[in-house]
């Protein structure tokens, strides 16, 4: 019985340490299907997302979903710590000997906890040589585990911050929520600027791929505004590149092909790592009516574009390369994909503020006072 307990404890400690190593240290994609972290997020996200679907107001739903990423990380760290504590307790219970005689598992578990978290109370101490070796090993493991967690969090939030910077910059260039048509309209007659912009987003797509493959938990972190997201930004850039590659000429088209390749690469790899196979959108994200309105908006802005069958066919061929993957990720994370046509109503995020009504009231009172002083 003792050796069975020790074998189970050793296996549990190995599984926890290996999973933490893969999640926090190993800077590459892990392809194995059976993995503690992957299983945890698969189980935890489903009920959380199911509850979010019942929240009708988009703002409240986004606020609720924004808690999952940070909270799940804290719970995952707690699961790792509990697994280590239980694993070392099983090792002590199976092959160790404690003083005073701690034959019950609760006392062994208590001793494991005080050792792992380096409390050093000393009311239950190791007696045999094996117990002493296990105690030193567990104490060192606890210190290393805590140091790893402390060093991991700044790296994670640094990657999140890098991701959000470009998403915030997209607001004034592509609207809120962003869309490819609006981006092209605002960038009209600035081909050099558009080329530079797409080059920056090619690099952003590469950084997104690297950070989210290394730290998949970042996919669950929501953006600062409810009408922004990393997936919507990536899809907007792909839409923009698709329009340029299909309809226009200029130096920006070459850069659009490069950005499209990198952004599509990131999208497909992320769909694979999150286990979301491509799904065809129903109804079509770009209907015939929306297609005609989009072409008319671009023609009005100065682009030489014709709403022909050949144009639509070329556009659909490129859309098929990425939209099914974007749709599958959007269904997983409950993210709204950006529209194709520019939104005419509302303001960009930078144009709105919580004190708008207060300023209007202040201005109205100021004008009223000026009129009274005049008379």
Protein backbone atom coordinates (compact mmCIF):
# COMPACT_ATOMS: atom_id res chain seq x y z
CA UNK A 1 0.00 0.00 0.00
CA UNK A 2 2.86 2.36 0.82
CA UNK A 3 4.56 1.91 -2.52
CA UNK A 4 1.27 2.44 -4.36
CA UNK A 5 0.79 5.74 -2.51
CA UNK A 6 4.37 6.76 -3.28
CA UNK A 7 4.02 5.88 -6.97
CA UNK A 8 0.80 7.90 -7.22
CA UNK A 9 2.45 10.86 -5.49
CA UNK A 10 5.51 10.73 -7.73
CA UNK A 11 3.32 10.61 -10.84
CA UNK A 12 1.23 13.56 -9.63
CA UNK A 13 4.30 15.70 -8.85
CA UNK A 14 5.78 14.91 -12.27
CA UNK A 15 2.54 15.76 -14.10
CA UNK A 16 2.18 19.09 -12.28
CA UNK A 17 5.80 20.15 -12.78
CA UNK A 18 5.82 19.14 -16.43
CA UNK A 19 2.54 20.94 -17.14
CA UNK A 20 3.78 24.12 -15.42
CA UNK A 21 7.03 23.89 -17.39
CA UNK A 22 5.17 23.58 -20.69
CA UNK A 23 2.76 26.41 -19.85
CA UNK A 24 5.25 28.94 -18.47
CA UNK A 25 8.78 28.09 -19.61
CA UNK A 26 8.66 26.21 -22.91
CA UNK A 27 8.54 28.92 -25.65
CA UNK A 28 6.90 26.82 -28.33
CA UNK A 29 3.60 25.23 -29.23
CA UNK A 30 2.77 22.04 -27.35
CA UNK A 31 0.89 19.65 -29.63
CA UNK A 32 -0.03 16.84 -27.25
CA UNK A 33 -3.78 16.44 -26.79
CA UNK A 34 -3.79 15.28 -23.15
CA UNK A 35 -2.54 18.13 -21.01
CA UNK A 36 -3.67 19.44 -17.63
CA UNK A 37 -3.82 23.12 -18.64
CA UNK A 38 -5.68 22.38 -21.88
CA UNK A 39 -8.17 20.18 -20.00
CA UNK A 40 -8.70 22.85 -17.35
CA UNK A 41 -9.54 25.58 -19.86
CA UNK A 42 -11.77 23.26 -21.88
CA UNK A 43 -13.79 22.44 -18.76
CA UNK A 44 -13.80 25.92 -17.20
CA UNK A 45 -14.61 27.98 -20.31
CA UNK A 46 -17.77 26.13 -21.38
CA UNK A 47 -19.98 26.97 -18.38
CA UNK A 48 -18.52 30.49 -18.21
CA UNK A 49 -19.35 31.11 -21.89
CA UNK A 50 -22.78 29.48 -21.49
CA UNK A 51 -23.67 31.94 -18.75
CA UNK A 52 -22.34 34.84 -20.84
CA UNK A 53 -24.74 33.96 -23.66
CA UNK A 54 -27.65 34.75 -21.34
CA UNK A 55 -26.37 38.29 -20.68
CA UNK A 56 -28.25 40.45 -23.18
CA UNK A 57 -26.41 43.78 -22.88
CA UNK A 58 -23.10 43.68 -24.82
CA UNK A 59 -21.28 45.89 -22.31
CA UNK A 60 -22.22 43.74 -19.34
CA UNK A 61 -21.40 40.57 -21.26
CA UNK A 62 -17.92 41.86 -22.10
CA UNK A 63 -17.32 42.88 -18.48
CA UNK A 64 -18.33 39.41 -17.35
CA UNK A 65 -16.12 37.69 -19.94
CA UNK A 66 -13.16 39.92 -19.06
CA UNK A 67 -12.91 38.29 -15.63
CA UNK A 68 -12.26 34.82 -17.01
CA UNK A 69 -8.68 35.27 -18.24
CA UNK A 70 -7.09 36.65 -15.03
CA UNK A 71 -9.32 34.57 -12.73
CA UNK A 72 -8.63 31.33 -14.60
CA UNK A 73 -4.90 31.96 -14.34
CA UNK A 74 -5.12 32.34 -10.56
CA UNK A 75 -7.22 29.17 -10.31
CA UNK A 76 -4.75 27.27 -12.50
CA UNK A 77 -1.86 28.32 -10.24
CA UNK A 78 -3.92 27.15 -7.25
CA UNK A 79 -4.51 23.78 -8.95
CA UNK A 80 -0.78 23.38 -9.57
CA UNK A 81 0.05 24.24 -5.94
CA UNK A 82 -2.63 21.86 -4.62
CA UNK A 83 -1.36 19.08 -6.89
CA UNK A 84 2.21 19.52 -5.64
CA UNK A 85 1.06 19.57 -2.02
CA UNK A 86 -1.00 16.40 -2.48
CA UNK A 87 1.72 14.63 -4.49
CA UNK A 88 4.44 15.21 -1.90
CA UNK A 89 1.99 14.21 0.88
CA UNK A 90 1.45 10.88 -0.87
CA UNK A 91 5.22 10.43 -1.13
CA UNK A 92 5.71 11.14 2.58
CA UNK A 93 2.80 8.86 3.48
CA UNK A 94 4.09 6.03 1.31
CA UNK A 95 7.83 5.88 1.98
CA UNK A 96 8.59 8.45 4.67
CA UNK A 97 8.45 8.47 8.46
CA UNK A 98 7.48 11.51 10.51
CA UNK A 99 7.87 12.50 14.17
CA UNK A 100 5.65 12.43 16.14
CA UNK A 101 4.24 9.29 14.57
CA UNK A 102 1.88 10.71 11.92
CA UNK A 103 0.17 7.61 10.65
CA UNK A 104 -2.94 9.49 9.46
CA UNK A 105 -2.91 11.17 6.05
CA UNK A 106 -4.21 14.51 7.37
CA UNK A 107 -1.07 15.05 9.47
CA UNK A 108 1.10 14.09 6.48
CA UNK A 109 -0.83 16.55 4.31
CA UNK A 110 -0.33 19.27 6.92
CA UNK A 111 3.41 18.61 7.04
CA UNK A 112 3.58 18.71 3.23
CA UNK A 113 1.83 22.09 3.18
CA UNK A 114 4.14 23.69 5.75
CA UNK A 115 7.14 22.41 3.80
CA UNK A 116 5.98 23.36 0.28
CA UNK A 117 5.13 26.93 1.32
CA UNK A 118 8.27 27.09 3.53
CA UNK A 119 6.36 27.92 6.74
CA UNK A 120 8.77 25.85 8.86
CA UNK A 121 6.47 25.45 11.89
CA UNK A 122 8.26 22.28 12.97
CA UNK A 123 5.50 20.54 15.00
CA UNK A 124 5.61 17.60 12.54
CA UNK A 125 9.17 16.80 11.41
CA UNK A 126 10.82 14.11 9.27
CA UNK A 127 12.47 11.27 11.12
CA UNK A 128 13.85 8.83 8.53
CA UNK A 129 16.51 9.70 5.98
CA UNK A 130 14.00 9.31 3.15
CA UNK A 131 11.61 11.77 4.80
CA UNK A 132 14.40 14.30 5.28
CA UNK A 133 15.39 14.05 1.62
CA UNK A 134 11.77 14.47 0.54
CA UNK A 135 11.38 17.49 2.85
CA UNK A 136 14.41 19.25 1.36
CA UNK A 137 13.25 18.41 -2.17
CA UNK A 138 9.73 19.68 -1.50
CA UNK A 139 10.97 22.89 0.09
CA UNK A 140 13.22 23.61 -2.89
CA UNK A 141 10.38 22.80 -5.28
CA UNK A 142 8.08 25.21 -3.44
CA UNK A 143 10.59 28.06 -3.61
CA UNK A 144 11.27 27.41 -7.32
CA UNK A 145 7.54 27.20 -8.07
CA UNK A 146 6.78 30.53 -6.38
CA UNK A 147 9.75 32.19 -8.12
CA UNK A 148 8.55 30.86 -11.47
CA UNK A 149 5.03 32.22 -10.92
CA UNK A 150 6.35 35.64 -9.86
CA UNK A 151 8.61 35.90 -12.92
CA UNK A 152 5.91 34.58 -15.27
CA UNK A 153 3.20 37.17 -14.58
CA UNK A 154 5.16 40.26 -15.83
CA UNK A 155 6.02 38.42 -19.05
CA UNK A 156 2.38 37.53 -19.59
CA UNK A 157 1.06 41.03 -18.97
CA UNK A 158 3.87 42.51 -21.06
CA UNK A 159 2.71 40.42 -24.01
CA UNK A 160 -0.88 41.49 -23.38
CA UNK A 161 0.15 45.16 -23.31
CA UNK A 162 2.07 44.83 -26.59
CA UNK A 163 -0.99 43.30 -28.21
CA UNK A 164 -3.34 46.04 -27.04
CA UNK A 165 -1.22 49.00 -28.17
CA UNK A 166 -1.85 48.45 -31.88
CA UNK A 167 -5.50 47.60 -31.25
CA UNK A 168 -5.94 51.00 -29.59
CA UNK A 169 -4.12 52.71 -32.47
CA UNK A 170 -6.55 51.08 -34.91
CA UNK A 171 -9.45 53.04 -33.43
CA UNK A 172 -8.80 56.38 -35.21
CA UNK A 173 -7.78 54.63 -38.45
CA UNK A 174 -10.56 52.09 -38.89
CA UNK A 175 -13.45 53.17 -36.67
CA UNK A 176 -15.10 51.64 -33.62
CA UNK A 177 -15.66 48.79 -34.13
CA UNK A 178 -12.95 48.59 -36.80
CA UNK A 179 -13.69 47.50 -40.36
CA UNK A 180 -11.62 47.22 -43.51
CA UNK A 181 -13.78 49.52 -45.64
CA UNK A 182 -13.49 52.40 -43.18
CA UNK A 183 -9.73 51.85 -42.93
CA UNK A 184 -9.35 52.17 -46.71
CA UNK A 185 -11.59 55.23 -46.84
CA UNK A 186 -9.59 57.06 -44.17
CA UNK A 187 -6.28 56.03 -45.80
CA UNK A 188 -7.33 57.11 -49.31
CA UNK A 189 -4.72 59.16 -51.24
CA UNK A 190 -1.96 58.12 -48.81
CA UNK A 191 -0.55 55.02 -50.44
CA UNK A 192 2.84 55.35 -48.72
CA UNK A 193 1.21 55.74 -45.31
CA UNK A 194 -1.03 52.72 -45.94
CA UNK A 195 2.02 50.66 -46.95
CA UNK A 196 3.80 51.58 -43.72
CA UNK A 197 0.67 50.85 -41.71
CA UNK A 198 0.30 47.37 -43.20
CA UNK A 199 3.98 46.65 -42.55
CA UNK A 200 3.45 47.43 -38.86
CA UNK A 201 0.48 45.06 -38.77
CA UNK A 202 2.50 42.34 -40.45
CA UNK A 203 4.89 42.53 -37.49
CA UNK A 204 1.96 42.72 -35.05
CA UNK A 205 0.50 39.53 -36.54
CA UNK A 206 3.84 37.76 -36.07
CA UNK A 207 4.03 38.95 -32.45
CA UNK A 208 0.44 37.84 -31.87
CA UNK A 209 1.26 34.39 -33.22
CA UNK A 210 4.37 34.04 -31.06
CA UNK A 211 2.80 35.28 -27.82
CA UNK A 212 -0.47 33.36 -28.08
CA UNK A 213 1.20 30.10 -29.06
CA UNK A 214 3.52 30.42 -26.07
CA UNK A 215 0.78 31.66 -23.70
CA UNK A 216 -2.66 30.51 -24.96
CA UNK A 217 -4.34 32.06 -21.90
CA UNK A 218 -3.87 35.47 -23.60
CA UNK A 219 -6.64 34.56 -26.02
CA UNK A 220 -9.13 34.79 -23.14
CA UNK A 221 -7.97 38.28 -22.14
CA UNK A 222 -10.41 40.91 -23.45
CA UNK A 223 -9.49 44.33 -24.79
CA UNK A 224 -10.09 47.58 -22.92
CA UNK A 225 -13.20 48.51 -24.93
CA UNK A 226 -16.16 46.22 -25.53
CA UNK A 227 -16.12 46.94 -29.29
CA UNK A 228 -12.46 45.97 -29.70
CA UNK A 229 -10.68 42.61 -29.67
CA UNK A 230 -7.54 40.98 -31.00
CA UNK A 231 -9.61 38.75 -33.31
CA UNK A 232 -11.62 41.66 -34.71
CA UNK A 233 -8.40 43.62 -35.34
CA UNK A 234 -6.78 40.66 -37.09
CA UNK A 235 -9.88 40.09 -39.23
CA UNK A 236 -10.04 43.80 -40.12
CA UNK A 237 -6.47 43.70 -41.39
CA UNK A 238 -7.21 40.58 -43.44
CA UNK A 239 -10.32 42.27 -44.90
CA UNK A 240 -8.27 45.35 -45.80
CA UNK A 241 -5.57 43.28 -47.49
CA UNK A 242 -8.23 41.31 -49.37
CA UNK A 243 -9.80 44.48 -50.74
CA UNK A 244 -6.43 45.85 -51.80
CA UNK A 245 -5.35 42.61 -53.46
CA UNK A 246 -8.66 42.32 -55.30
CA UNK A 247 -9.51 45.86 -56.39
CA UNK A 248 -6.68 48.35 -56.36
CA UNK A 249 -3.18 49.03 -57.66
CA UNK A 250 -0.19 50.71 -56.06
CA UNK A 251 2.78 50.07 -53.82
CA UNK A 252 0.50 49.10 -50.93
CA UNK A 253 -0.72 46.00 -52.81
CA UNK A 254 2.67 44.26 -52.50
CA UNK A 255 2.75 44.94 -48.77
CA UNK A 256 -0.89 43.83 -48.54
CA UNK A 257 0.10 40.40 -49.87
CA UNK A 258 2.86 40.08 -47.25
CA UNK A 259 0.59 41.20 -44.41
CA UNK A 260 -2.19 38.91 -45.61
CA UNK A 261 0.16 35.92 -45.58
CA UNK A 262 1.39 36.61 -42.05
CA UNK A 263 -2.05 37.43 -40.64
CA UNK A 264 -3.59 34.32 -42.18
CA UNK A 265 -0.73 32.21 -40.83
CA UNK A 266 -1.40 33.57 -37.33
CA UNK A 267 -5.15 32.98 -37.63
CA UNK A 268 -4.87 29.37 -38.80
CA UNK A 269 -2.23 28.41 -36.23
CA UNK A 270 -4.30 29.95 -33.43
CA UNK A 271 -7.41 28.09 -34.62
CA UNK A 272 -5.36 24.91 -34.42
CA UNK A 273 -3.93 25.57 -30.96
CA UNK A 274 -7.40 26.38 -29.55
CA UNK A 275 -8.88 23.31 -31.24
CA UNK A 276 -11.44 25.15 -33.41
CA UNK A 277 -11.87 23.66 -36.91
CA UNK A 278 -12.97 26.06 -39.69
CA UNK A 279 -16.68 26.82 -39.92
CA UNK A 280 -18.55 28.38 -42.83
CA UNK A 281 -20.46 31.52 -41.87
CA UNK A 282 -24.24 31.35 -42.21
CA UNK A 283 -25.58 33.77 -43.25
CA UNK A 284 -22.75 35.07 -45.40
CA UNK A 285 -20.76 37.83 -43.69
CA UNK A 286 -20.72 39.79 -46.98
CA UNK A 287 -24.12 39.57 -48.65
CA UNK A 288 -24.78 40.91 -52.14
CA UNK A 289 -26.39 44.02 -50.70
CA UNK A 290 -23.46 44.61 -48.35
CA UNK A 291 -21.03 43.99 -51.20
CA UNK A 292 -22.72 46.64 -53.34
CA UNK A 293 -22.76 49.17 -50.48
CA UNK A 294 -19.09 48.50 -49.73
CA UNK A 295 -18.09 49.06 -53.36
CA UNK A 296 -20.16 52.25 -53.53
CA UNK A 297 -18.52 53.59 -50.37
CA UNK A 298 -15.04 52.93 -51.76
CA UNK A 299 -15.90 54.46 -55.14
CA UNK A 300 -17.23 57.55 -53.39
CA UNK A 301 -13.93 57.80 -51.50
CA UNK A 302 -11.98 57.81 -54.76
CA UNK A 303 -11.11 54.15 -55.40
CA UNK A 304 -11.58 52.85 -58.93
CA UNK A 305 -13.62 49.76 -58.18
CA UNK A 306 -16.42 48.03 -60.09
CA UNK A 307 -19.01 45.74 -58.52
CA UNK A 308 -18.66 43.01 -61.15
CA UNK A 309 -19.05 39.25 -60.91
CA UNK A 310 -15.31 38.78 -61.44
CA UNK A 311 -14.57 41.16 -58.57
CA UNK A 312 -16.97 39.32 -56.28
CA UNK A 313 -15.52 35.93 -57.27
CA UNK A 314 -11.93 37.02 -56.58
CA UNK A 315 -12.99 38.52 -53.26
CA UNK A 316 -14.82 35.34 -52.22
CA UNK A 317 -11.81 33.17 -53.09
CA UNK A 318 -9.59 35.18 -50.74
CA UNK A 319 -12.23 35.34 -48.00
CA UNK A 320 -12.49 31.57 -48.01
CA UNK A 321 -8.83 31.37 -47.00
CA UNK A 322 -9.40 32.97 -43.58
CA UNK A 323 -13.06 33.70 -42.74
CA UNK A 324 -13.96 30.12 -41.67
CA UNK A 325 -11.07 30.15 -39.17
CA UNK A 326 -12.00 33.60 -37.87
CA UNK A 327 -15.61 32.49 -37.48
CA UNK A 328 -14.67 29.38 -35.49
CA UNK A 329 -12.49 31.43 -33.11
CA UNK A 330 -15.25 34.04 -32.78
CA UNK A 331 -17.71 31.31 -31.76
CA UNK A 332 -15.26 29.97 -29.18
CA UNK A 333 -14.40 33.32 -27.55
CA UNK A 334 -17.83 34.95 -28.07
CA UNK A 335 -16.30 37.76 -30.13
CA UNK A 336 -18.21 39.70 -32.76
CA UNK A 337 -16.42 39.76 -36.11
CA UNK A 338 -16.14 43.25 -37.65
CA UNK A 339 -18.57 44.29 -40.37
CA UNK A 340 -17.42 44.75 -43.96
CA UNK A 341 -19.13 48.05 -44.56
CA UNK A 342 -18.36 51.22 -42.64
CA UNK A 343 -20.63 52.08 -39.74
CA UNK A 344 -22.17 55.50 -40.30
CA UNK A 345 -23.70 55.99 -36.88
CA UNK A 346 -21.99 56.54 -33.57
CA UNK A 347 -18.51 57.81 -32.72
CA UNK A 348 -15.06 56.35 -32.48
CA UNK A 349 -13.86 55.48 -28.99
CA UNK A 350 -11.57 58.49 -28.91
CA UNK A 351 -14.53 60.81 -29.67
CA UNK A 352 -16.69 59.60 -26.79
CA UNK A 353 -16.21 60.20 -23.08
CA UNK A 354 -18.25 59.72 -19.89
CA UNK A 355 -18.60 63.46 -19.22
CA UNK A 356 -20.21 64.34 -22.56
CA UNK A 357 -23.60 65.20 -21.05
CA UNK A 358 -21.95 67.14 -18.23
CA UNK A 359 -20.03 69.28 -20.74
CA UNK A 360 -23.18 69.89 -22.77
CA UNK A 361 -25.00 71.04 -19.64
CA UNK A 362 -22.08 73.28 -18.65
CA UNK A 363 -21.97 74.83 -22.13
CA UNK A 364 -25.74 75.40 -22.09
CA UNK A 365 -25.55 77.17 -18.71
CA UNK A 366 -22.65 79.28 -19.94
CA UNK A 367 -24.62 80.46 -22.99
CA UNK A 368 -27.67 81.16 -20.84
CA UNK A 369 -25.57 83.28 -18.47
CA UNK A 370 -24.07 85.20 -21.40
CA UNK A 371 -27.54 85.99 -22.72
CA UNK A 372 -28.69 87.25 -19.28
CA UNK A 373 -25.60 89.45 -19.00
CA UNK A 374 -26.26 90.82 -22.47
CA UNK A 375 -29.80 91.92 -21.59
